[in-house]
Amino acid sequence: MNNRFEIRKDCFVLFLFLAISAIVLFFCSKNSPFYVFNDWVDANAFFTMGKGMMNGLVPYKDLFEQKGPILYFIYGIGYLLDNDGFTGIYILEVLSSTILCYCLYKLSKLMICPLYSFFATLLTFVVISSSTSFVQGGSAEEFVLPLIAFSLYSFFLLIQERDNKYLFLNGLIAGIVTLIKFNLLGFWFAWMAVYFFYLVSKRKYKYSIQACLVFLSGMIIPILIFAIYFMINGALLDFINSYFLFNVTAYTTEVSLAERITNTFSAFFMQLNYNLDVKVSTIISFLSLFYFVYCKRTWEVIFLVFSFLLLIFGIYFGGLPFIYYYLCFTPYIIFGCIVLFKMYSSLKEGFFSKIPVDYLVFLVVACFMVYNMQDSPNLEYSNVKKSDLAQFEFKEIIDQEEDKTLLNYDNLDGGFYTSCNIVPNVKYFMRQNVDYERYPEIIDSQNQYITEGKTNFVIIREYFGNFGYRNQLDDLNKNYELVDVVEQEYEHMDFVYYLYQRKS
């Protein structure tokens, strides 16, 4: 009877988190129907790759981008739900956030009562979703958050009770993260390493080795599945070169080890300062470690510190701190919330035991959530209409042609493949965020496509730093004619978009 009641209560909590996630992300993510379009280049690149995957193209072999294949698979599912927009991705974000909230709730429930766990989770979730590092929504880091939250929860649980299923599941998660964004793996290295040494400290030597093997057996499964997929499609070397080798070499800066370590921590602290609430809640969370030490949760504290440090090195050691990198650190905010509610609970028992102050706390939490949602940096784009965007003006022209092939020349994916529902017919459908000297093949190939007239349309974007460079592209002006021009703001910068069509 108690089990049934617990299951029903968990289902109700899950439903609440689903509804809250849908509401919060409706305003905080530009993938939601509240916004006419998500023009973020990363989300569009992932969407194009996922669309290609669902239309029989093989990542890295037929289309080039440098994130992991499971991220493209996620976006491919989103494409199946909505072919020319991001409503499908919004639905997947809601599901992902529901899992994130539920895992944070279960984690906090190990230390505080269910009601305060619910409040702590809501506070953590709204801080995450309204933060600058959340960007426009749909980053690789966002889809990794529920996996981090589950692993945090399962580590605390595993210290209390041995259970091989958590070892296997975390190994499986580590394998999945390897195929989303492998530089985040430091967290799971810390997870297994600390648990291994915990077992050794208990003199369970045989089980410590078994635990590592169980973890690795879970980790190898998704890697093996995708290795077989790429082997069948003759793309295993493309996968290794494009995903692993390209990321290791293309995004690292050439500086000394001492400078690299200094840059790593300076990048972390710079991004910590993006939002005051993120900064304050992160500091509170680290101060809460003293409480966990006091409670004799030594191994949990070692894991939290070690995993946080390895995440810092894995994310920032390369030297290029993109704005969305900090998002992976935000689940740790839950620990500060746990200790705050622990303190509140003690104060309530001592001074307010006969006063219904929980209603006031609920009101404060609700007001904080509403305030943070309206503080989301994405809300400034809520008034943008389709008629304001080049993506839809160009779509009207492209849709009139039978041949809708398109090249996004010398630029990141601007969302034109998405709005026009086009599967690229060229491998290098966009430029990556790397210098020409490091990977000349991208621009050289795009120039070759223009010389050969491989696509019917070419889109170029200019800004204050390169105005007029399109006029220097001899083959473009020889083989294509300008058919439309749109001036448009993107991330507080003014750009001019040019649509060219192949001459008859």
Protein backbone atom coordinates (compact mmCIF):
# COMPACT_ATOMS: atom_id res chain seq x y z
CA MET A 1 0.00 0.00 0.00
CA ASN A 2 2.82 2.39 0.93
CA ASN A 3 4.63 1.56 -2.33
CA ARG A 4 1.52 2.37 -4.34
CA PHE A 5 1.12 5.67 -2.51
CA GLU A 6 4.78 6.55 -3.14
CA ILE A 7 4.45 5.73 -6.85
CA ARG A 8 1.29 7.86 -7.13
CA LYS A 9 3.00 10.72 -5.29
CA ASP A 10 6.05 10.49 -7.59
CA CYS A 11 3.79 10.50 -10.65
CA PHE A 12 2.07 13.63 -9.36
CA VAL A 13 5.43 15.33 -8.73
CA LEU A 14 6.57 14.35 -12.23
CA PHE A 15 3.41 15.85 -13.70
CA LEU A 16 4.01 19.08 -11.77
CA PHE A 17 7.60 19.27 -13.04
CA LEU A 18 6.38 18.60 -16.59
CA ALA A 19 3.87 21.47 -16.37
CA ILE A 20 6.36 23.84 -14.72
CA SER A 21 9.06 22.98 -17.28
CA ALA A 22 6.62 23.67 -20.12
CA ILE A 23 5.70 27.08 -18.64
CA VAL A 24 9.23 28.19 -17.75
CA LEU A 25 10.74 27.12 -21.08
CA PHE A 26 7.83 28.64 -22.99
CA PHE A 27 9.32 32.02 -22.05
CA CYS A 28 12.99 31.14 -21.53
CA SER A 29 13.71 29.06 -24.65
CA LYS A 30 13.53 30.50 -28.16
CA ASN A 31 12.57 27.02 -29.38
CA SER A 32 9.09 27.47 -27.90
CA PRO A 33 6.05 28.62 -29.92
CA PHE A 34 6.23 31.93 -28.01
CA TYR A 35 9.05 32.93 -30.40
CA VAL A 36 8.66 32.92 -34.18
CA PHE A 37 12.10 31.42 -34.76
CA ASN A 38 15.32 30.43 -33.01
CA ASP A 39 18.08 32.01 -35.10
CA TRP A 40 20.90 30.71 -32.87
CA VAL A 41 23.54 29.27 -35.18
CA ASP A 42 24.36 26.24 -33.00
CA ALA A 43 20.75 25.08 -32.69
CA ASN A 44 20.28 25.42 -36.45
CA ALA A 45 23.48 23.50 -37.19
CA PHE A 46 22.37 20.65 -34.91
CA PHE A 47 18.92 20.73 -36.51
CA THR A 48 20.40 20.55 -40.02
CA MET A 49 22.58 17.60 -39.00
CA GLY A 50 19.64 15.82 -37.35
CA LYS A 51 17.45 16.47 -40.40
CA GLY A 52 20.14 15.06 -42.66
CA MET A 53 20.45 12.00 -40.41
CA MET A 54 16.70 11.37 -40.61
CA ASN A 55 16.86 11.70 -44.41
CA GLY A 56 19.55 9.05 -44.86
CA LEU A 57 22.68 11.21 -44.72
CA VAL A 58 25.57 10.11 -42.49
CA PRO A 59 27.05 12.66 -40.07
CA TYR A 60 30.68 13.63 -40.76
CA LYS A 61 30.70 11.73 -44.07
CA ASP A 62 27.86 13.52 -45.91
CA LEU A 63 27.49 16.58 -43.65
CA PHE A 64 30.26 18.17 -41.58
CA GLU A 65 29.81 19.46 -38.02
CA GLN A 66 31.84 18.76 -34.90
CA LYS A 67 29.41 17.86 -32.08
CA GLY A 68 28.46 14.28 -31.18
CA PRO A 69 26.08 12.00 -33.11
CA ILE A 70 23.65 11.49 -30.21
CA LEU A 71 23.03 15.26 -30.14
CA TYR A 72 22.17 15.10 -33.85
CA PHE A 73 19.91 12.13 -33.15
CA ILE A 74 18.06 14.18 -30.50
CA TYR A 75 17.62 17.01 -33.00
CA GLY A 76 16.58 14.46 -35.61
CA ILE A 77 13.70 13.43 -33.36
CA GLY A 78 12.83 17.12 -32.99
CA TYR A 79 12.84 17.44 -36.79
CA LEU A 80 10.38 14.54 -37.09
CA LEU A 81 8.04 16.39 -34.72
CA ASP A 82 8.37 19.71 -36.58
CA ASN A 83 10.11 19.77 -39.98
CA ASP A 84 10.73 23.50 -40.40
CA GLY A 85 10.79 24.88 -36.86
CA PHE A 86 11.81 24.18 -33.30
CA THR A 87 8.57 23.16 -31.62
CA GLY A 88 9.79 19.55 -31.59
CA ILE A 89 13.01 20.63 -29.87
CA TYR A 90 10.94 22.60 -27.33
CA ILE A 91 9.00 19.42 -26.52
CA LEU A 92 12.27 17.52 -26.03
CA GLU A 93 13.60 20.37 -23.86
CA VAL A 94 10.51 20.12 -21.67
CA LEU A 95 10.99 16.35 -21.26
CA SER A 96 14.69 16.84 -20.55
CA SER A 97 13.97 19.52 -17.94
CA THR A 98 11.31 17.34 -16.31
CA ILE A 99 13.92 14.61 -15.80
CA LEU A 100 16.42 17.21 -14.55
CA CYS A 101 13.92 18.53 -11.98
CA TYR A 102 12.88 15.06 -10.87
CA CYS A 103 16.49 13.97 -10.30
CA LEU A 104 17.28 17.15 -8.36
CA TYR A 105 14.11 16.60 -6.32
CA LYS A 106 15.10 12.99 -5.51
CA LEU A 107 18.61 14.13 -4.59
CA SER A 108 17.43 16.87 -2.25
CA LYS A 109 14.83 14.53 -0.74
CA LEU A 110 17.70 12.46 0.64
CA MET A 111 18.44 15.39 2.99
CA ILE A 112 15.28 17.50 3.39
CA CYS A 113 11.53 16.87 3.40
CA PRO A 114 9.62 16.45 0.10
CA LEU A 115 7.99 19.91 0.23
CA TYR A 116 11.28 21.73 0.71
CA SER A 117 12.88 19.48 -1.91
CA PHE A 118 10.22 20.65 -4.33
CA PHE A 119 10.91 24.30 -3.48
CA ALA A 120 14.69 23.82 -3.75
CA THR A 121 14.29 22.19 -7.16
CA LEU A 122 12.08 24.99 -8.48
CA LEU A 123 14.60 27.62 -7.38
CA THR A 124 17.47 25.74 -9.01
CA PHE A 125 15.59 25.11 -12.24
CA VAL A 126 14.47 28.70 -12.79
CA VAL A 127 18.00 29.99 -12.12
CA ILE A 128 19.30 27.55 -14.75
CA SER A 129 16.66 28.36 -17.37
CA SER A 130 16.87 32.13 -17.08
CA SER A 131 20.68 32.30 -16.98
CA THR A 132 22.84 33.84 -19.70
CA SER A 133 24.57 30.49 -20.26
CA PHE A 134 21.20 28.93 -21.17
CA VAL A 135 21.57 31.00 -24.39
CA GLN A 136 18.63 30.65 -26.79
CA GLY A 137 17.87 27.08 -25.76
CA GLY A 138 18.82 23.68 -27.12
CA SER A 139 22.55 23.58 -26.40
CA ALA A 140 24.39 20.29 -26.00
CA GLU A 141 25.02 21.26 -22.38
CA GLU A 142 21.28 21.64 -21.74
CA PHE A 143 20.57 18.06 -22.83
CA VAL A 144 23.43 16.81 -20.62
CA LEU A 145 21.99 18.50 -17.48
CA PRO A 146 19.53 15.69 -16.56
CA LEU A 147 22.38 13.18 -16.93
CA ILE A 148 24.55 15.19 -14.52
CA ALA A 149 21.62 15.49 -12.09
CA PHE A 150 20.93 11.75 -12.18
CA SER A 151 24.61 10.99 -11.58
CA LEU A 152 24.75 13.40 -8.63
CA TYR A 153 21.69 11.70 -7.13
CA SER A 154 22.92 8.17 -7.77
CA PHE A 155 26.35 8.87 -6.23
CA PHE A 156 24.77 10.03 -2.97
CA LEU A 157 22.52 6.98 -3.08
CA LEU A 158 25.37 4.60 -3.90
CA ILE A 159 27.40 5.71 -0.88
CA GLN A 160 24.48 4.63 1.28
CA GLU A 161 23.73 1.33 -0.49
CA ARG A 162 25.62 -0.76 -3.03
CA ASP A 163 23.62 -1.32 -6.20
CA ASN A 164 25.13 -2.43 -9.49
CA LYS A 165 22.31 -0.90 -11.51
CA TYR A 166 23.56 2.61 -10.65
CA LEU A 167 27.07 1.65 -11.71
CA PHE A 168 25.81 0.30 -15.02
CA LEU A 169 23.45 3.22 -15.64
CA ASN A 170 26.18 5.79 -14.97
CA GLY A 171 28.50 3.93 -17.30
CA LEU A 172 25.73 4.04 -19.92
CA ILE A 173 25.34 7.78 -19.30
CA ALA A 174 29.12 8.28 -19.65
CA GLY A 175 28.95 6.53 -23.03
CA ILE A 176 26.06 8.75 -24.13
CA VAL A 177 27.92 11.91 -23.04
CA THR A 178 30.97 10.67 -24.98
CA LEU A 179 28.76 10.88 -28.07
CA ILE A 180 27.25 14.27 -27.22
CA LYS A 181 30.26 16.30 -26.06
CA PHE A 182 33.20 14.27 -24.83
CA ASN A 183 34.99 17.10 -23.01
CA LEU A 184 32.33 16.80 -20.28
CA LEU A 185 33.49 13.28 -19.42
CA GLY A 186 35.67 14.52 -16.55
CA PHE A 187 32.54 14.55 -14.36
CA TRP A 188 32.00 10.81 -14.84
CA PHE A 189 35.71 10.05 -14.47
CA ALA A 190 35.45 11.72 -11.05
CA TRP A 191 32.23 9.80 -10.34
CA MET A 192 33.83 6.40 -10.87
CA ALA A 193 37.25 7.30 -9.45
CA VAL A 194 35.90 8.60 -6.14
CA TYR A 195 33.56 5.63 -5.75
CA PHE A 196 36.46 3.26 -6.51
CA PHE A 197 38.62 4.81 -3.79
CA TYR A 198 35.63 4.82 -1.42
CA LEU A 199 35.38 1.05 -1.87
CA VAL A 200 39.13 0.67 -1.43
CA SER A 201 38.94 2.67 1.82
CA LYS A 202 36.34 0.11 3.01
CA ARG A 203 38.78 -2.68 1.99
CA LYS A 204 36.35 -4.00 -0.61
CA TYR A 205 39.14 -4.54 -3.13
CA LYS A 206 37.44 -7.20 -5.23
CA TYR A 207 34.20 -5.25 -5.48
CA SER A 208 36.08 -2.03 -6.41
CA ILE A 209 37.45 -3.79 -9.52
CA GLN A 210 34.04 -5.29 -10.31
CA ALA A 211 32.46 -1.84 -10.00
CA CYS A 212 34.87 -0.41 -12.59
CA LEU A 213 34.11 -3.27 -14.98
CA VAL A 214 30.34 -2.83 -14.57
CA PHE A 215 30.72 0.93 -15.23
CA LEU A 216 32.85 0.32 -18.33
CA SER A 217 30.43 -2.32 -19.64
CA GLY A 218 27.66 0.27 -19.57
CA MET A 219 29.87 2.94 -21.14
CA ILE A 220 30.91 0.80 -24.10
CA ILE A 221 27.34 0.02 -25.25
CA PRO A 222 26.34 3.37 -26.90
CA ILE A 223 29.89 3.81 -28.26
CA LEU A 224 29.76 0.34 -29.81
CA ILE A 225 26.30 0.92 -31.30
CA PHE A 226 27.40 4.10 -33.08
CA ALA A 227 30.75 2.60 -34.09
CA ILE A 228 28.83 -0.19 -35.85
CA TYR A 229 26.51 2.41 -37.44
CA PHE A 230 29.47 4.34 -38.85
CA MET A 231 31.26 1.15 -39.95
CA ILE A 232 28.18 -0.04 -41.86
CA ASN A 233 28.02 3.34 -43.61
CA GLY A 234 31.76 3.46 -44.33
CA ALA A 235 32.18 6.53 -42.13
CA LEU A 236 34.13 5.34 -39.08
CA LEU A 237 37.26 7.32 -40.03
CA ASP A 238 35.14 10.37 -40.82
CA PHE A 239 33.60 10.07 -37.35
CA ILE A 240 36.97 9.77 -35.59
CA ASN A 241 38.59 12.57 -37.60
CA SER A 242 35.67 14.99 -37.49
CA TYR A 243 34.42 14.47 -33.94
CA PHE A 244 37.48 13.53 -31.90
CA LEU A 245 40.57 14.78 -33.75
CA PHE A 246 38.97 17.99 -35.07
CA ASN A 247 37.73 18.99 -31.59
CA VAL A 248 41.04 18.18 -29.93
CA THR A 249 43.07 20.26 -32.41
CA ALA A 250 40.82 22.99 -33.84
CA TYR A 251 39.59 24.62 -30.63
CA THR A 252 42.79 24.70 -28.58
CA THR A 253 45.01 27.74 -28.22
CA GLU A 254 48.80 27.44 -28.33
CA VAL A 255 50.01 28.74 -24.94
CA SER A 256 52.22 27.43 -22.14
CA LEU A 257 50.81 25.07 -19.50
CA ALA A 258 50.94 27.77 -16.81
CA GLU A 259 49.07 30.22 -19.06
CA ARG A 260 46.56 27.53 -19.99
CA ILE A 261 45.78 26.79 -16.33
CA THR A 262 45.48 30.52 -15.58
CA ASN A 263 43.20 31.01 -18.61
CA THR A 264 41.10 28.01 -17.56
CA PHE A 265 40.21 29.48 -14.18
CA SER A 266 39.91 33.06 -15.42
CA ALA A 267 37.39 31.86 -18.06
CA PHE A 268 35.41 30.02 -15.39
CA PHE A 269 35.26 33.01 -13.04
CA MET A 270 34.41 35.34 -15.93
CA GLN A 271 31.38 33.21 -16.80
CA LEU A 272 30.45 32.81 -13.14
CA ASN A 273 29.87 36.58 -13.11
CA TYR A 274 27.35 36.58 -15.98
CA ASN A 275 24.36 36.45 -13.59
CA LEU A 276 24.20 37.66 -10.00
CA ASP A 277 21.78 34.91 -8.93
CA VAL A 278 24.00 32.21 -10.47
CA LYS A 279 27.06 33.68 -8.75
CA VAL A 280 25.39 34.00 -5.34
CA SER A 281 23.77 30.55 -5.47
CA THR A 282 27.05 28.94 -6.58
CA ILE A 283 28.93 30.58 -3.68
CA ILE A 284 26.23 29.43 -1.24
CA SER A 285 26.51 25.91 -2.68
CA PHE A 286 30.25 25.81 -2.02
CA LEU A 287 29.78 27.17 1.49
CA SER A 288 27.26 24.36 2.01
CA LEU A 289 30.10 21.85 1.65
CA PHE A 290 31.10 22.73 5.23
CA TYR A 291 27.68 21.52 6.31
CA PHE A 292 28.18 18.22 4.45
CA VAL A 293 31.57 17.80 6.12
CA TYR A 294 29.88 18.45 9.48
CA CYS A 295 27.35 15.74 8.61
CA LYS A 296 30.26 13.35 7.93
CA ARG A 297 29.48 13.15 4.20
CA THR A 298 33.20 13.27 3.43
CA TRP A 299 33.15 11.14 0.29
CA GLU A 300 30.24 13.12 -1.16
CA VAL A 301 32.22 16.35 -0.60
CA ILE A 302 35.33 14.84 -2.24
CA PHE A 303 33.22 13.83 -5.23
CA LEU A 304 31.54 17.25 -5.56
CA VAL A 305 34.85 19.15 -5.43
CA PHE A 306 36.72 16.71 -7.69
CA SER A 307 33.94 16.48 -10.30
CA PHE A 308 33.56 20.28 -10.35
CA LEU A 309 37.31 20.75 -10.90
CA LEU A 310 37.46 18.15 -13.66
CA LEU A 311 34.50 19.81 -15.38
CA ILE A 312 36.36 23.14 -15.24
CA PHE A 313 39.45 21.63 -16.86
CA GLY A 314 37.48 19.61 -19.42
CA ILE A 315 35.42 22.61 -20.50
CA TYR A 316 37.86 25.53 -20.37
CA PHE A 317 41.31 23.96 -20.81
CA GLY A 318 41.09 24.33 -24.61
CA GLY A 319 41.12 28.10 -24.25
CA LEU A 320 37.89 29.22 -26.00
CA PRO A 321 35.15 30.04 -23.44
CA PHE A 322 31.83 30.09 -25.32
CA ILE A 323 28.93 31.61 -23.42
CA TYR A 324 26.98 28.37 -22.95
CA TYR A 325 29.87 26.46 -21.34
CA TYR A 326 28.97 27.42 -17.78
CA LEU A 327 25.55 25.73 -17.96
CA CYS A 328 27.01 22.36 -16.91
CA PHE A 329 27.93 23.77 -13.48
CA THR A 330 24.43 24.96 -12.63
CA PRO A 331 23.03 21.66 -11.20
CA TYR A 332 25.43 22.09 -8.26
CA ILE A 333 23.23 25.03 -7.18
CA ILE A 334 20.84 22.50 -5.64
CA PHE A 335 23.23 21.88 -2.74
CA GLY A 336 23.09 25.51 -1.63
CA CYS A 337 19.29 25.37 -1.79
CA ILE A 338 19.28 22.15 0.26
CA VAL A 339 21.30 23.74 3.07
CA LEU A 340 19.20 26.93 3.02
CA PHE A 341 16.02 24.90 3.44
CA LYS A 342 17.73 22.78 6.10
CA MET A 343 18.47 25.97 8.01
CA TYR A 344 14.94 27.25 7.42
CA SER A 345 13.53 23.96 8.72
CA SER A 346 15.55 24.27 11.94
CA LEU A 347 14.44 27.89 12.41
CA LYS A 348 10.84 26.93 11.80
CA GLU A 349 10.93 24.20 14.43
CA GLY A 350 12.57 26.56 16.93
CA PHE A 351 10.58 29.76 16.39
CA PHE A 352 7.69 29.34 13.93
CA SER A 353 6.37 25.85 14.66
CA LYS A 354 2.81 27.14 15.19
CA ILE A 355 2.81 29.65 12.31
CA PRO A 356 2.03 28.54 8.71
CA VAL A 357 5.16 30.18 7.27
CA ASP A 358 5.42 27.57 4.47
CA TYR A 359 2.73 29.49 2.58
CA LEU A 360 4.93 32.58 2.71
CA VAL A 361 7.92 30.53 1.50
CA PHE A 362 5.83 29.20 -1.40
CA LEU A 363 4.87 32.78 -2.30
CA VAL A 364 8.54 33.87 -2.21
CA VAL A 365 9.56 30.93 -4.43
CA ALA A 366 6.74 31.68 -6.88
CA CYS A 367 7.67 35.40 -7.05
CA PHE A 368 11.33 34.52 -7.54
CA MET A 369 10.40 32.20 -10.42
CA VAL A 370 8.25 34.84 -12.13
CA TYR A 371 10.94 37.49 -11.66
CA ASN A 372 13.65 35.25 -13.13
CA MET A 373 11.50 34.19 -16.07
CA GLN A 374 10.86 37.81 -17.04
CA ASP A 375 14.59 38.44 -16.61
CA SER A 376 15.46 35.85 -19.29
CA PRO A 377 17.68 37.47 -21.97
CA ASN A 378 15.54 35.85 -24.67
CA LEU A 379 12.41 37.84 -23.83
CA GLU A 380 13.71 40.87 -25.71
CA TYR A 381 13.08 38.88 -28.92
CA SER A 382 9.45 38.07 -28.11
CA ASN A 383 8.15 40.89 -30.35
CA VAL A 384 10.09 39.78 -33.44
CA LYS A 385 7.79 38.80 -36.34
CA LYS A 386 8.46 36.51 -39.29
CA SER A 387 8.38 39.52 -41.59
CA ASP A 388 11.38 40.92 -39.69
CA LEU A 389 13.60 37.93 -40.48
CA ALA A 390 15.68 37.21 -43.57
CA GLN A 391 15.09 33.50 -42.95
CA PHE A 392 11.43 33.88 -43.98
CA GLU A 393 11.83 36.58 -46.64
CA PHE A 394 14.38 34.40 -48.43
CA LYS A 395 12.15 31.36 -47.92
CA GLU A 396 9.39 32.97 -50.02
CA ILE A 397 11.84 33.36 -52.92
CA ILE A 398 13.45 29.91 -52.57
CA ASP A 399 10.07 28.15 -52.29
CA GLN A 400 9.12 29.39 -55.77
CA GLU A 401 11.89 27.32 -57.34
CA GLU A 402 11.86 23.60 -58.04
CA ASP A 403 15.59 23.40 -57.28
CA LYS A 404 15.83 24.50 -53.63
CA THR A 405 19.49 23.60 -53.11
CA LEU A 406 21.29 26.12 -50.90
CA LEU A 407 24.77 26.98 -49.63
CA ASN A 408 25.27 28.95 -46.41
CA TYR A 409 28.59 30.46 -47.54
CA ASP A 410 31.47 31.30 -45.17
CA ASN A 411 29.21 31.52 -42.15
CA LEU A 412 27.72 29.52 -39.31
CA ASP A 413 24.28 28.00 -39.94
CA GLY A 414 21.96 31.02 -40.09
CA GLY A 415 18.74 28.98 -39.96
CA PHE A 416 17.91 29.13 -43.68
CA TYR A 417 18.09 25.34 -44.06
CA THR A 418 15.61 25.15 -41.17
CA SER A 419 13.08 27.77 -42.30
CA CYS A 420 13.15 26.48 -45.90
CA ASN A 421 13.13 22.80 -44.82
CA ILE A 422 16.17 22.05 -46.98
CA VAL A 423 18.47 19.05 -46.60
CA PRO A 424 21.91 20.26 -47.79
CA ASN A 425 23.29 18.60 -50.93
CA VAL A 426 26.90 19.53 -50.01
CA LYS A 427 29.08 18.26 -47.16
CA TYR A 428 30.38 21.63 -45.97
CA PHE A 429 26.99 23.31 -45.75
CA MET A 430 28.32 25.93 -43.29
CA ARG A 431 31.58 27.27 -41.91
CA GLN A 432 32.84 26.11 -38.51
CA ASN A 433 34.06 28.50 -35.85
CA VAL A 434 37.76 27.93 -36.69
CA ASP A 435 40.38 29.88 -38.57
CA TYR A 436 40.96 29.12 -42.25
CA GLU A 437 44.61 28.19 -41.51
CA ARG A 438 43.54 25.45 -39.09
CA TYR A 439 41.00 23.80 -41.39
CA PRO A 440 41.12 25.24 -44.93
CA GLU A 441 39.08 22.37 -46.39
CA ILE A 442 35.77 23.99 -45.39
CA ILE A 443 36.12 27.26 -47.29
CA ASP A 444 38.08 25.65 -50.13
CA SER A 445 35.22 23.19 -50.63
CA GLN A 446 32.59 25.94 -50.47
CA ASN A 447 34.50 27.93 -53.10
CA GLN A 448 34.55 24.80 -55.25
CA TYR A 449 30.77 24.41 -54.87
CA ILE A 450 30.31 27.99 -56.14
CA THR A 451 32.71 27.44 -59.05
CA GLU A 452 30.78 24.32 -60.07
CA GLY A 453 27.36 25.90 -59.40
CA LYS A 454 26.45 23.00 -57.09
CA THR A 455 23.59 24.85 -55.41
CA ASN A 456 20.86 26.99 -56.88
CA PHE A 457 21.08 29.53 -54.05
CA VAL A 458 23.94 31.00 -52.01
CA ILE A 459 23.50 33.09 -48.86
CA ILE A 460 26.23 35.44 -47.59
CA ARG A 461 26.24 37.52 -44.42
CA GLU A 462 28.28 40.72 -44.01
CA TYR A 463 28.87 42.95 -40.99
CA PHE A 464 31.01 45.99 -40.14
CA GLY A 465 34.22 43.93 -40.18
CA ASN A 466 33.92 42.58 -43.74
CA PHE A 467 31.54 44.81 -45.72
CA GLY A 468 32.08 44.42 -49.45
CA TYR A 469 34.01 41.15 -49.37
CA ARG A 470 31.32 39.42 -51.47
CA ASN A 471 32.31 41.66 -54.38
CA GLN A 472 35.78 40.10 -54.33
CA LEU A 473 34.39 36.59 -54.93
CA ASP A 474 34.87 36.35 -58.68
CA ASP A 475 33.20 32.95 -59.22
CA LEU A 476 30.18 33.99 -57.12
CA ASN A 477 29.60 37.11 -59.21
CA LYS A 478 30.30 35.19 -62.42
CA ASN A 479 27.94 32.26 -61.75
CA TYR A 480 25.28 33.85 -59.51
CA GLU A 481 23.16 36.98 -59.42
CA LEU A 482 21.92 38.92 -56.39
CA VAL A 483 18.16 38.55 -55.90
CA ASP A 484 17.46 39.92 -52.39
CA VAL A 485 19.09 41.84 -49.52
CA VAL A 486 17.90 42.03 -45.89
CA GLU A 487 19.37 44.03 -43.01
CA GLN A 488 18.91 42.25 -39.72
CA GLU A 489 20.15 42.34 -36.14
CA TYR A 490 21.63 39.19 -34.63
CA GLU A 491 22.83 39.09 -31.02
CA HIS A 492 22.99 42.91 -30.83
CA MET A 493 25.04 43.25 -34.03
CA ASP A 494 23.86 44.60 -37.39
CA PHE A 495 24.25 42.26 -40.35
CA VAL A 496 23.30 42.35 -44.01
CA TYR A 497 22.14 39.10 -45.62
CA TYR A 498 22.46 38.60 -49.38
CA LEU A 499 20.60 35.95 -51.38
CA TYR A 500 22.20 34.91 -54.68
CA GLN A 501 20.68 32.63 -57.32
CA ARG A 502 22.50 30.66 -59.97
CA LYS A 503 22.35 32.31 -63.38
CA SER A 504 20.30 30.56 -66.03
